[in-house]
């Protein structure tokens, strides 16, 4: 009975260690945004908005809200994985690229408000056979959002493409809007 108990504990420890928490925005926030003064305590608060994979499952996206003093920001961290050309027969080298994007409160509100309008803008577009039409909005030089419509596409399933540093991250719009609305109303 005692051995069975020990095996159960070891099994639980093994499976719990397999779940890796991803906090890629934490490093950026702690080192690039937070104000640290020697010999003084500082307080800051973060708000987890979205953590998950893009629809292609080759990239991970994290959105975290940040508040310190009177400053409220949205931090987006993305990592994308590329399988490199093999240099020898068993080469499985994968390159991971991480990029961070920081939006102040007014940039966040522009992003959020345009995201709300994007679905109706997409619905008004008409795509012919073999065509794709786009509704885009640029938030910053390295960040724009885009909605794509193709001929015969279902109007019920709507995804938004977040183009960050030249790479595309596709997310279901309804989920993203819901989470961003919660952050918009967040007041620590």
N, C-alpha and C. Protein backbone atom coordinates (compact mmCIF):
# COMPACT_ATOMS: atom_id res chain seq x y z
N UNK A 1 0.83 -1.19 0.00
CA UNK A 1 0.00 0.00 0.00
C UNK A 1 0.87 1.26 0.00
N UNK A 2 1.93 1.22 0.84
CA UNK A 2 2.83 2.37 0.93
C UNK A 2 3.54 2.59 -0.40
N UNK A 3 3.97 1.48 -1.08
CA UNK A 3 4.65 1.61 -2.37
C UNK A 3 3.70 2.18 -3.42
N UNK A 4 2.44 1.79 -3.37
CA UNK A 4 1.45 2.30 -4.31
C UNK A 4 1.26 3.81 -4.11
N UNK A 5 1.29 4.24 -2.87
CA UNK A 5 1.16 5.67 -2.55
C UNK A 5 2.36 6.45 -3.11
N UNK A 6 3.57 5.93 -2.95
CA UNK A 6 4.79 6.58 -3.44
C UNK A 6 4.76 6.64 -4.96
N UNK A 7 4.34 5.55 -5.61
CA UNK A 7 4.25 5.53 -7.07
C UNK A 7 3.25 6.58 -7.54
N UNK A 8 2.14 6.71 -6.84
CA UNK A 8 1.13 7.72 -7.19
C UNK A 8 1.68 9.12 -7.09
N UNK A 9 2.42 9.40 -6.02
CA UNK A 9 3.02 10.73 -5.83
C UNK A 9 4.04 11.01 -6.92
N UNK A 10 4.90 10.05 -7.23
CA UNK A 10 5.91 10.24 -8.26
C UNK A 10 5.27 10.44 -9.63
N UNK A 11 4.21 9.71 -9.92
CA UNK A 11 3.50 9.87 -11.19
C UNK A 11 2.89 11.26 -11.29
N UNK A 12 2.27 11.73 -10.22
CA UNK A 12 1.68 13.07 -10.22
C UNK A 12 2.75 14.13 -10.41
N UNK A 13 3.90 13.96 -9.77
CA UNK A 13 4.99 14.93 -9.92
C UNK A 13 5.51 14.93 -11.35
N UNK A 14 5.61 13.75 -11.95
CA UNK A 14 6.10 13.66 -13.33
C UNK A 14 5.17 14.39 -14.29
N UNK A 15 3.86 14.12 -14.21
CA UNK A 15 2.94 14.75 -15.14
C UNK A 15 2.76 16.23 -14.88
N UNK A 16 2.87 16.67 -13.64
CA UNK A 16 2.76 18.11 -13.38
C UNK A 16 3.98 18.85 -13.89
N UNK A 17 5.13 18.18 -13.92
CA UNK A 17 6.34 18.85 -14.43
C UNK A 17 6.33 18.98 -15.95
N UNK A 18 5.47 18.22 -16.64
CA UNK A 18 5.38 18.29 -18.09
C UNK A 18 4.64 19.54 -18.56
N UNK A 19 3.84 20.13 -17.71
CA UNK A 19 3.10 21.33 -18.06
C UNK A 19 4.00 22.55 -17.82
N UNK A 20 4.51 23.11 -18.87
CA UNK A 20 5.42 24.24 -18.77
C UNK A 20 4.61 25.53 -18.89
N UNK A 21 4.76 26.41 -17.91
CA UNK A 21 4.10 27.70 -17.98
C UNK A 21 4.92 28.61 -18.86
N UNK A 22 4.26 29.24 -19.83
CA UNK A 22 4.93 30.16 -20.73
C UNK A 22 4.66 31.57 -20.24
N UNK A 23 5.66 32.29 -19.96
CA UNK A 23 5.55 33.70 -19.56
C UNK A 23 6.60 34.50 -20.31
N UNK A 24 6.48 34.58 -21.63
CA UNK A 24 7.52 35.25 -22.39
C UNK A 24 7.47 36.76 -22.23
N UNK A 25 6.31 37.32 -21.86
CA UNK A 25 6.23 38.77 -21.70
C UNK A 25 6.82 39.24 -20.37
N UNK A 26 6.91 38.33 -19.41
CA UNK A 26 7.44 38.71 -18.09
C UNK A 26 8.86 39.26 -18.19
N UNK A 27 9.72 38.62 -18.97
CA UNK A 27 11.11 39.08 -19.11
C UNK A 27 11.16 40.50 -19.67
N UNK A 28 10.36 40.75 -20.68
CA UNK A 28 10.36 42.08 -21.29
C UNK A 28 9.84 43.13 -20.31
N UNK A 29 8.76 42.82 -19.63
CA UNK A 29 8.17 43.76 -18.67
C UNK A 29 9.16 44.07 -17.55
N UNK A 30 9.74 43.05 -16.98
CA UNK A 30 10.66 43.23 -15.84
C UNK A 30 11.93 44.00 -16.21
N UNK A 31 12.40 43.82 -17.45
CA UNK A 31 13.67 44.42 -17.84
C UNK A 31 13.57 45.66 -18.71
N UNK A 32 12.43 45.89 -19.35
CA UNK A 32 12.35 47.01 -20.27
C UNK A 32 11.29 48.05 -19.92
N UNK A 33 10.29 47.69 -19.12
CA UNK A 33 9.22 48.63 -18.82
C UNK A 33 9.24 49.08 -17.37
N UNK A 34 9.32 48.13 -16.46
CA UNK A 34 9.28 48.48 -15.04
C UNK A 34 10.40 49.44 -14.68
N UNK A 35 10.08 50.33 -13.78
CA UNK A 35 11.07 51.27 -13.27
C UNK A 35 11.62 50.69 -11.97
N UNK A 36 12.94 50.50 -11.92
CA UNK A 36 13.60 49.95 -10.74
C UNK A 36 14.57 51.00 -10.19
N UNK A 37 14.42 51.32 -8.93
CA UNK A 37 15.29 52.28 -8.28
C UNK A 37 16.02 51.58 -7.14
N UNK A 38 17.33 51.71 -7.11
CA UNK A 38 18.14 51.04 -6.10
C UNK A 38 17.71 51.49 -4.71
N UNK A 39 17.51 50.51 -3.84
CA UNK A 39 17.17 50.79 -2.45
C UNK A 39 15.70 51.12 -2.22
N UNK A 40 14.87 51.04 -3.25
CA UNK A 40 13.45 51.33 -3.09
C UNK A 40 12.60 50.16 -3.57
N UNK A 41 11.46 50.01 -2.90
CA UNK A 41 10.50 49.00 -3.35
C UNK A 41 9.59 49.62 -4.40
N UNK A 42 9.24 48.83 -5.38
CA UNK A 42 8.30 49.25 -6.41
C UNK A 42 7.18 48.23 -6.50
N UNK A 43 6.01 48.68 -6.89
CA UNK A 43 4.89 47.78 -7.11
C UNK A 43 4.44 47.90 -8.55
N UNK A 44 4.09 46.78 -9.12
CA UNK A 44 3.51 46.76 -10.46
C UNK A 44 2.50 45.63 -10.49
N UNK A 45 1.61 45.69 -11.46
CA UNK A 45 0.58 44.66 -11.60
C UNK A 45 0.52 44.26 -13.07
N UNK A 46 0.39 42.97 -13.32
CA UNK A 46 0.19 42.49 -14.68
C UNK A 46 -1.16 41.80 -14.79
N UNK A 47 -1.66 41.76 -16.01
CA UNK A 47 -2.98 41.18 -16.27
C UNK A 47 -2.84 40.27 -17.49
N UNK A 48 -3.07 38.98 -17.30
CA UNK A 48 -2.94 38.02 -18.39
C UNK A 48 -4.17 38.12 -19.30
N UNK A 49 -3.94 38.48 -20.56
CA UNK A 49 -5.02 38.67 -21.52
C UNK A 49 -5.17 37.45 -22.42
N UNK A 50 -4.08 37.01 -23.01
CA UNK A 50 -4.13 35.87 -23.92
C UNK A 50 -2.79 35.16 -23.90
N UNK A 51 -2.84 33.83 -23.83
CA UNK A 51 -1.66 32.98 -23.95
C UNK A 51 -2.07 31.79 -24.78
N UNK A 52 -1.47 31.64 -25.93
CA UNK A 52 -1.82 30.50 -26.76
C UNK A 52 -1.14 30.52 -28.10
N UNK A 53 -1.44 29.50 -28.87
CA UNK A 53 -0.83 29.34 -30.17
C UNK A 53 -1.68 30.00 -31.25
N UNK A 54 -1.01 30.49 -32.26
CA UNK A 54 -1.68 31.00 -33.44
C UNK A 54 -2.34 29.81 -34.14
N UNK A 55 -3.26 30.08 -35.03
CA UNK A 55 -4.01 29.02 -35.70
C UNK A 55 -3.12 28.05 -36.46
N UNK A 56 -1.91 28.48 -36.86
CA UNK A 56 -1.01 27.58 -37.58
C UNK A 56 -0.18 26.70 -36.66
N UNK A 57 -0.25 26.92 -35.36
CA UNK A 57 0.47 26.16 -34.33
C UNK A 57 1.99 26.22 -34.48
N UNK A 58 2.50 27.11 -35.32
CA UNK A 58 3.95 27.28 -35.47
C UNK A 58 4.44 28.49 -34.70
N UNK A 59 3.51 29.17 -34.04
CA UNK A 59 3.89 30.38 -33.32
C UNK A 59 3.05 30.51 -32.06
N UNK A 60 3.64 31.12 -31.07
CA UNK A 60 3.01 31.31 -29.77
C UNK A 60 2.84 32.81 -29.55
N UNK A 61 1.70 33.20 -29.00
CA UNK A 61 1.39 34.60 -28.80
C UNK A 61 0.95 34.81 -27.36
N UNK A 62 1.46 35.87 -26.78
CA UNK A 62 1.09 36.20 -25.40
C UNK A 62 0.79 37.69 -25.32
N UNK A 63 -0.33 38.03 -24.70
CA UNK A 63 -0.69 39.43 -24.47
C UNK A 63 -0.85 39.62 -22.97
N UNK A 64 -0.14 40.60 -22.46
CA UNK A 64 -0.16 40.87 -21.02
C UNK A 64 -0.34 42.36 -20.80
N UNK A 65 -1.27 42.70 -19.92
CA UNK A 65 -1.45 44.08 -19.52
C UNK A 65 -0.48 44.41 -18.40
N UNK A 66 -0.06 45.66 -18.33
CA UNK A 66 0.90 46.10 -17.32
C UNK A 66 0.44 47.42 -16.74
N UNK A 67 0.60 47.54 -15.43
CA UNK A 67 0.26 48.79 -14.75
C UNK A 67 1.30 49.07 -13.67
N UNK A 68 1.87 50.27 -13.71
CA UNK A 68 2.78 50.74 -12.66
C UNK A 68 2.63 52.24 -12.57
N UNK A 69 2.40 52.72 -11.36
CA UNK A 69 2.17 54.15 -11.17
C UNK A 69 0.84 54.52 -11.80
N UNK A 70 0.89 55.35 -12.83
CA UNK A 70 -0.33 55.72 -13.57
C UNK A 70 -0.28 55.24 -15.01
N UNK A 71 0.69 54.37 -15.30
CA UNK A 71 0.92 53.93 -16.67
C UNK A 71 0.32 52.54 -16.91
N UNK A 72 -0.55 52.45 -17.93
CA UNK A 72 -1.18 51.19 -18.32
C UNK A 72 -0.76 50.89 -19.75
N UNK A 73 -0.24 49.67 -19.97
CA UNK A 73 0.27 49.29 -21.29
C UNK A 73 -0.17 47.88 -21.64
N UNK A 74 -0.10 47.59 -22.92
CA UNK A 74 -0.30 46.23 -23.42
C UNK A 74 1.02 45.77 -24.01
N UNK A 75 1.48 44.60 -23.56
CA UNK A 75 2.71 44.02 -24.08
C UNK A 75 2.35 42.74 -24.81
N UNK A 76 2.84 42.63 -26.03
CA UNK A 76 2.61 41.44 -26.84
C UNK A 76 3.97 40.78 -27.06
N UNK A 77 4.04 39.52 -26.75
CA UNK A 77 5.25 38.73 -27.00
C UNK A 77 4.90 37.60 -27.95
N UNK A 78 5.70 37.40 -28.97
CA UNK A 78 5.46 36.34 -29.93
C UNK A 78 6.75 35.55 -30.13
N UNK A 79 6.59 34.25 -30.27
CA UNK A 79 7.74 33.47 -30.72
C UNK A 79 7.30 32.58 -31.87
N UNK A 80 8.14 32.51 -32.83
CA UNK A 80 7.86 31.78 -34.07
C UNK A 80 8.98 30.77 -34.26
N UNK A 81 8.63 29.60 -34.74
CA UNK A 81 9.61 28.53 -34.92
C UNK A 81 9.79 28.21 -36.40
N UNK A 82 11.03 28.08 -36.80
CA UNK A 82 11.37 27.77 -38.18
C UNK A 82 12.27 26.54 -38.19
N UNK A 83 11.90 25.56 -39.00
CA UNK A 83 12.76 24.40 -39.17
C UNK A 83 13.78 24.76 -40.25
N UNK A 84 15.04 24.69 -39.88
CA UNK A 84 16.11 25.08 -40.81
C UNK A 84 16.44 23.93 -41.76
N UNK A 85 17.01 24.29 -42.88
CA UNK A 85 17.45 23.26 -43.83
C UNK A 85 18.50 22.39 -43.15
N UNK A 86 18.35 21.09 -43.28
CA UNK A 86 19.33 20.21 -42.62
C UNK A 86 20.73 20.34 -43.24
N UNK A 87 21.71 20.33 -42.37
CA UNK A 87 23.10 20.40 -42.83
C UNK A 87 23.70 19.00 -42.93
N UNK A 88 23.05 18.04 -42.26
CA UNK A 88 23.43 16.64 -42.36
C UNK A 88 22.15 15.82 -42.21
N UNK A 89 22.19 14.54 -42.45
CA UNK A 89 20.97 13.73 -42.58
C UNK A 89 20.08 13.72 -41.34
N UNK A 90 20.61 13.76 -40.16
CA UNK A 90 19.78 13.71 -38.94
C UNK A 90 19.57 15.09 -38.31
N UNK A 91 19.91 16.14 -39.02
CA UNK A 91 19.79 17.50 -38.47
C UNK A 91 18.32 17.90 -38.33
N UNK A 92 17.91 18.24 -37.11
CA UNK A 92 16.53 18.66 -36.82
C UNK A 92 16.52 20.07 -36.21
N UNK A 93 17.45 20.91 -36.61
CA UNK A 93 17.61 22.23 -36.01
C UNK A 93 16.38 23.10 -36.24
N UNK A 94 15.92 23.70 -35.16
CA UNK A 94 14.77 24.62 -35.22
C UNK A 94 15.22 25.95 -34.63
N UNK A 95 14.90 27.02 -35.32
CA UNK A 95 15.24 28.36 -34.88
C UNK A 95 14.00 28.99 -34.23
N UNK A 96 14.17 29.51 -33.04
CA UNK A 96 13.07 30.22 -32.37
C UNK A 96 13.40 31.70 -32.37
N UNK A 97 12.43 32.50 -32.78
CA UNK A 97 12.61 33.94 -32.82
C UNK A 97 11.55 34.58 -31.92
N UNK A 98 11.99 35.41 -30.98
CA UNK A 98 11.07 36.07 -30.06
C UNK A 98 11.07 37.57 -30.35
N UNK A 99 9.88 38.15 -30.36
CA UNK A 99 9.74 39.58 -30.62
C UNK A 99 8.73 40.16 -29.64
N UNK A 100 9.00 41.36 -29.17
CA UNK A 100 8.10 42.03 -28.22
C UNK A 100 7.58 43.32 -28.82
N UNK A 101 6.35 43.62 -28.48
CA UNK A 101 5.68 44.82 -28.94
C UNK A 101 5.01 45.46 -27.73
N UNK A 102 5.18 46.75 -27.61
CA UNK A 102 4.63 47.49 -26.47
C UNK A 102 3.68 48.57 -26.99
N UNK A 103 2.44 48.55 -26.48
CA UNK A 103 1.46 49.57 -26.86
C UNK A 103 1.10 50.40 -25.64
N UNK A 104 1.17 51.73 -25.78
CA UNK A 104 0.71 52.57 -24.68
C UNK A 104 -0.83 52.55 -24.69
N UNK A 105 -1.43 53.24 -23.76
CA UNK A 105 -2.89 53.14 -23.62
C UNK A 105 -3.64 53.65 -24.85
N UNK A 106 -3.18 54.74 -25.45
CA UNK A 106 -3.89 55.26 -26.63
C UNK A 106 -3.71 54.33 -27.83
N UNK A 107 -2.54 53.73 -28.00
CA UNK A 107 -2.34 52.76 -29.08
C UNK A 107 -3.20 51.52 -28.88
N UNK A 108 -3.29 51.07 -27.61
CA UNK A 108 -4.15 49.93 -27.31
C UNK A 108 -5.60 50.24 -27.67
N UNK A 109 -6.10 51.42 -27.27
CA UNK A 109 -7.49 51.77 -27.55
C UNK A 109 -7.76 51.86 -29.05
N UNK A 110 -6.82 52.37 -29.82
CA UNK A 110 -6.97 52.42 -31.28
C UNK A 110 -7.05 50.99 -31.84
N UNK A 111 -6.18 50.12 -31.36
CA UNK A 111 -6.18 48.72 -31.77
C UNK A 111 -7.51 48.06 -31.43
N UNK A 112 -7.96 48.22 -30.21
CA UNK A 112 -9.21 47.61 -29.74
C UNK A 112 -10.42 48.13 -30.52
N UNK A 113 -10.53 49.45 -30.68
CA UNK A 113 -11.67 50.03 -31.40
C UNK A 113 -11.70 49.61 -32.86
N UNK A 114 -10.54 49.54 -33.50
CA UNK A 114 -10.50 49.12 -34.90
C UNK A 114 -10.83 47.64 -35.03
N UNK A 115 -10.44 46.85 -34.06
CA UNK A 115 -10.77 45.42 -34.07
C UNK A 115 -12.29 45.22 -34.04
N UNK A 116 -12.98 46.07 -33.28
CA UNK A 116 -14.44 46.01 -33.23
C UNK A 116 -15.07 46.34 -34.59
N UNK A 117 -14.47 47.26 -35.33
CA UNK A 117 -14.99 47.68 -36.63
C UNK A 117 -14.61 46.72 -37.76
N UNK A 118 -13.57 45.94 -37.54
CA UNK A 118 -13.00 45.13 -38.61
C UNK A 118 -13.96 44.08 -39.16
N UNK A 119 -14.76 43.48 -38.31
CA UNK A 119 -15.67 42.44 -38.77
C UNK A 119 -16.70 43.01 -39.75
N UNK A 120 -17.26 44.18 -39.45
CA UNK A 120 -18.24 44.77 -40.36
C UNK A 120 -17.55 45.26 -41.65
N UNK A 121 -16.32 45.76 -41.54
CA UNK A 121 -15.58 46.15 -42.74
C UNK A 121 -15.33 44.95 -43.64
N UNK A 122 -14.99 43.82 -43.01
CA UNK A 122 -14.74 42.58 -43.77
C UNK A 122 -16.03 42.12 -44.45
N UNK A 123 -17.16 42.20 -43.74
CA UNK A 123 -18.44 41.76 -44.29
C UNK A 123 -18.84 42.58 -45.52
N UNK A 124 -18.43 43.84 -45.55
CA UNK A 124 -18.80 44.70 -46.69
C UNK A 124 -17.93 44.46 -47.92
N UNK A 125 -16.83 43.73 -47.77
CA UNK A 125 -15.95 43.45 -48.90
C UNK A 125 -16.53 42.32 -49.75
N UNK A 126 -16.29 42.39 -51.03
CA UNK A 126 -16.75 41.34 -51.95
C UNK A 126 -15.55 40.73 -52.65
N UNK A 127 -15.39 39.42 -52.50
CA UNK A 127 -14.30 38.71 -53.16
C UNK A 127 -14.87 37.88 -54.30
N UNK A 128 -14.28 38.02 -55.46
CA UNK A 128 -14.68 37.22 -56.60
C UNK A 128 -13.96 35.89 -56.59
N UNK A 129 -14.26 35.04 -57.56
CA UNK A 129 -13.58 33.74 -57.65
C UNK A 129 -12.08 33.97 -57.77
N UNK A 130 -11.33 33.16 -57.04
CA UNK A 130 -9.87 33.21 -57.02
C UNK A 130 -9.31 34.52 -56.47
N UNK A 131 -10.13 35.25 -55.72
CA UNK A 131 -9.68 36.51 -55.13
C UNK A 131 -9.68 36.43 -53.61
N UNK A 132 -8.82 37.23 -53.04
CA UNK A 132 -8.82 37.49 -51.59
C UNK A 132 -8.77 38.99 -51.42
N UNK A 133 -9.63 39.52 -50.56
CA UNK A 133 -9.64 40.95 -50.28
C UNK A 133 -9.34 41.16 -48.81
N UNK A 134 -8.73 42.30 -48.49
CA UNK A 134 -8.25 42.54 -47.14
C UNK A 134 -8.77 43.88 -46.61
N UNK A 135 -9.04 43.91 -45.32
CA UNK A 135 -9.29 45.15 -44.59
C UNK A 135 -8.18 45.23 -43.55
N UNK A 136 -7.35 46.26 -43.63
CA UNK A 136 -6.18 46.41 -42.76
C UNK A 136 -6.27 47.69 -41.94
N UNK A 137 -5.58 47.67 -40.81
CA UNK A 137 -5.44 48.87 -39.99
C UNK A 137 -4.05 48.83 -39.35
N UNK A 138 -3.27 49.88 -39.54
CA UNK A 138 -1.93 49.95 -38.99
C UNK A 138 -1.95 50.64 -37.63
N UNK A 139 -1.46 49.93 -36.62
CA UNK A 139 -1.40 50.46 -35.26
C UNK A 139 -0.05 51.14 -35.02
N UNK A 140 1.03 50.49 -35.41
CA UNK A 140 2.40 51.00 -35.30
C UNK A 140 3.16 50.53 -36.53
N UNK A 141 4.36 51.04 -36.72
CA UNK A 141 5.13 50.67 -37.91
C UNK A 141 5.41 49.16 -37.97
N UNK A 142 5.49 48.48 -36.84
CA UNK A 142 5.77 47.05 -36.83
C UNK A 142 4.55 46.22 -36.42
N UNK A 143 3.34 46.82 -36.50
CA UNK A 143 2.13 46.11 -36.09
C UNK A 143 0.91 46.61 -36.84
N UNK A 144 0.28 45.72 -37.60
CA UNK A 144 -1.02 46.04 -38.19
C UNK A 144 -1.93 44.83 -38.09
N UNK A 145 -3.23 45.09 -38.13
CA UNK A 145 -4.21 44.02 -38.07
C UNK A 145 -4.87 43.91 -39.44
N UNK A 146 -5.26 42.70 -39.80
CA UNK A 146 -5.79 42.46 -41.12
C UNK A 146 -6.88 41.40 -41.06
N UNK A 147 -7.96 41.65 -41.80
CA UNK A 147 -9.02 40.66 -41.96
C UNK A 147 -9.06 40.31 -43.44
N UNK A 148 -9.09 39.02 -43.72
CA UNK A 148 -9.07 38.55 -45.11
C UNK A 148 -10.41 37.89 -45.44
N UNK A 149 -10.89 38.16 -46.62
CA UNK A 149 -12.12 37.52 -47.08
C UNK A 149 -11.83 36.84 -48.41
N UNK A 150 -12.27 35.59 -48.52
CA UNK A 150 -12.11 34.84 -49.76
C UNK A 150 -13.49 34.51 -50.32
N UNK A 151 -13.52 34.17 -51.57
CA UNK A 151 -14.77 33.83 -52.23
C UNK A 151 -15.42 32.63 -51.54
N UNK A 152 -16.67 32.77 -51.17
CA UNK A 152 -17.43 31.68 -50.54
C UNK A 152 -17.10 31.42 -49.09
N UNK A 153 -16.33 32.31 -48.44
CA UNK A 153 -15.95 32.10 -47.04
C UNK A 153 -17.16 32.27 -46.13
N UNK A 154 -17.20 31.48 -45.07
CA UNK A 154 -18.29 31.56 -44.11
C UNK A 154 -18.20 32.87 -43.31
N UNK A 155 -19.28 33.62 -43.22
CA UNK A 155 -19.24 34.86 -42.46
C UNK A 155 -19.27 34.63 -40.94
N UNK A 156 -19.59 33.41 -40.53
CA UNK A 156 -19.72 33.12 -39.09
C UNK A 156 -18.38 32.91 -38.39
N UNK A 157 -17.42 32.34 -39.06
CA UNK A 157 -16.12 32.08 -38.45
C UNK A 157 -15.17 33.17 -38.91
N UNK A 158 -14.79 34.03 -38.00
CA UNK A 158 -14.00 35.20 -38.36
C UNK A 158 -12.69 35.21 -37.57
N UNK A 159 -11.60 35.25 -38.29
CA UNK A 159 -10.27 35.31 -37.69
C UNK A 159 -9.62 36.62 -38.06
N UNK A 160 -8.80 37.12 -37.16
CA UNK A 160 -8.04 38.32 -37.44
C UNK A 160 -6.57 37.92 -37.52
N UNK A 161 -5.85 38.57 -38.42
CA UNK A 161 -4.42 38.35 -38.53
C UNK A 161 -3.71 39.52 -37.87
N UNK A 162 -2.87 39.22 -36.90
CA UNK A 162 -2.03 40.23 -36.28
C UNK A 162 -0.67 40.11 -36.96
N UNK A 163 -0.28 41.14 -37.69
CA UNK A 163 1.00 41.16 -38.38
C UNK A 163 1.98 41.92 -37.48
N UNK A 164 2.88 41.18 -36.86
CA UNK A 164 3.83 41.74 -35.92
C UNK A 164 5.25 41.49 -36.45
N UNK A 165 5.97 42.57 -36.66
CA UNK A 165 7.34 42.49 -37.17
C UNK A 165 7.42 41.65 -38.44
N UNK A 166 6.42 41.79 -39.31
CA UNK A 166 6.43 41.11 -40.59
C UNK A 166 5.92 39.67 -40.58
N UNK A 167 5.52 39.16 -39.42
CA UNK A 167 5.02 37.79 -39.33
C UNK A 167 3.54 37.80 -38.98
N UNK A 168 2.80 36.80 -39.48
CA UNK A 168 1.35 36.72 -39.29
C UNK A 168 1.01 35.77 -38.15
N UNK A 169 0.10 36.24 -37.27
CA UNK A 169 -0.42 35.45 -36.16
C UNK A 169 -1.94 35.52 -36.24
N UNK A 170 -2.57 34.37 -36.49
CA UNK A 170 -4.02 34.34 -36.71
C UNK A 170 -4.75 33.88 -35.45
N UNK A 171 -5.76 34.67 -35.04
CA UNK A 171 -6.51 34.40 -33.81
C UNK A 171 -8.00 34.58 -34.09
N UNK A 172 -8.82 33.81 -33.40
CA UNK A 172 -10.26 33.97 -33.53
C UNK A 172 -10.66 35.33 -32.95
N UNK A 173 -11.35 36.13 -33.73
CA UNK A 173 -11.66 37.50 -33.35
C UNK A 173 -12.54 37.60 -32.11
N UNK A 174 -13.55 36.77 -32.03
CA UNK A 174 -14.49 36.83 -30.90
C UNK A 174 -13.76 36.63 -29.57
N UNK A 175 -12.86 35.66 -29.52
CA UNK A 175 -12.08 35.40 -28.31
C UNK A 175 -11.18 36.59 -27.98
N UNK A 176 -10.49 37.10 -28.98
CA UNK A 176 -9.57 38.22 -28.76
C UNK A 176 -10.30 39.47 -28.28
N UNK A 177 -11.43 39.80 -28.91
CA UNK A 177 -12.20 40.98 -28.51
C UNK A 177 -12.69 40.83 -27.08
N UNK A 178 -13.16 39.64 -26.73
CA UNK A 178 -13.65 39.39 -25.37
C UNK A 178 -12.56 39.62 -24.33
N UNK A 179 -11.37 39.11 -24.59
CA UNK A 179 -10.26 39.27 -23.63
C UNK A 179 -9.77 40.71 -23.58
N UNK A 180 -9.69 41.37 -24.72
CA UNK A 180 -9.23 42.76 -24.73
C UNK A 180 -10.24 43.69 -24.05
N UNK A 181 -11.52 43.36 -24.14
CA UNK A 181 -12.54 44.17 -23.46
C UNK A 181 -12.37 44.09 -21.95
N UNK A 182 -12.05 42.91 -21.46
CA UNK A 182 -11.79 42.75 -20.02
C UNK A 182 -10.59 43.59 -19.59
N UNK A 183 -9.54 43.59 -20.42
CA UNK A 183 -8.36 44.40 -20.11
C UNK A 183 -8.68 45.88 -20.16
N UNK A 184 -9.47 46.28 -21.15
CA UNK A 184 -9.85 47.69 -21.28
C UNK A 184 -10.54 48.20 -20.01
N UNK A 185 -11.39 47.35 -19.43
CA UNK A 185 -12.12 47.72 -18.21
C UNK A 185 -11.33 47.46 -16.93
N UNK A 186 -10.16 46.88 -17.04
CA UNK A 186 -9.33 46.55 -15.87
C UNK A 186 -8.76 47.84 -15.29
N UNK A 187 -8.95 48.01 -14.00
CA UNK A 187 -8.45 49.20 -13.31
C UNK A 187 -7.86 48.75 -11.97
N UNK A 188 -6.57 48.46 -11.94
CA UNK A 188 -5.95 47.91 -10.71
C UNK A 188 -5.94 48.91 -9.56
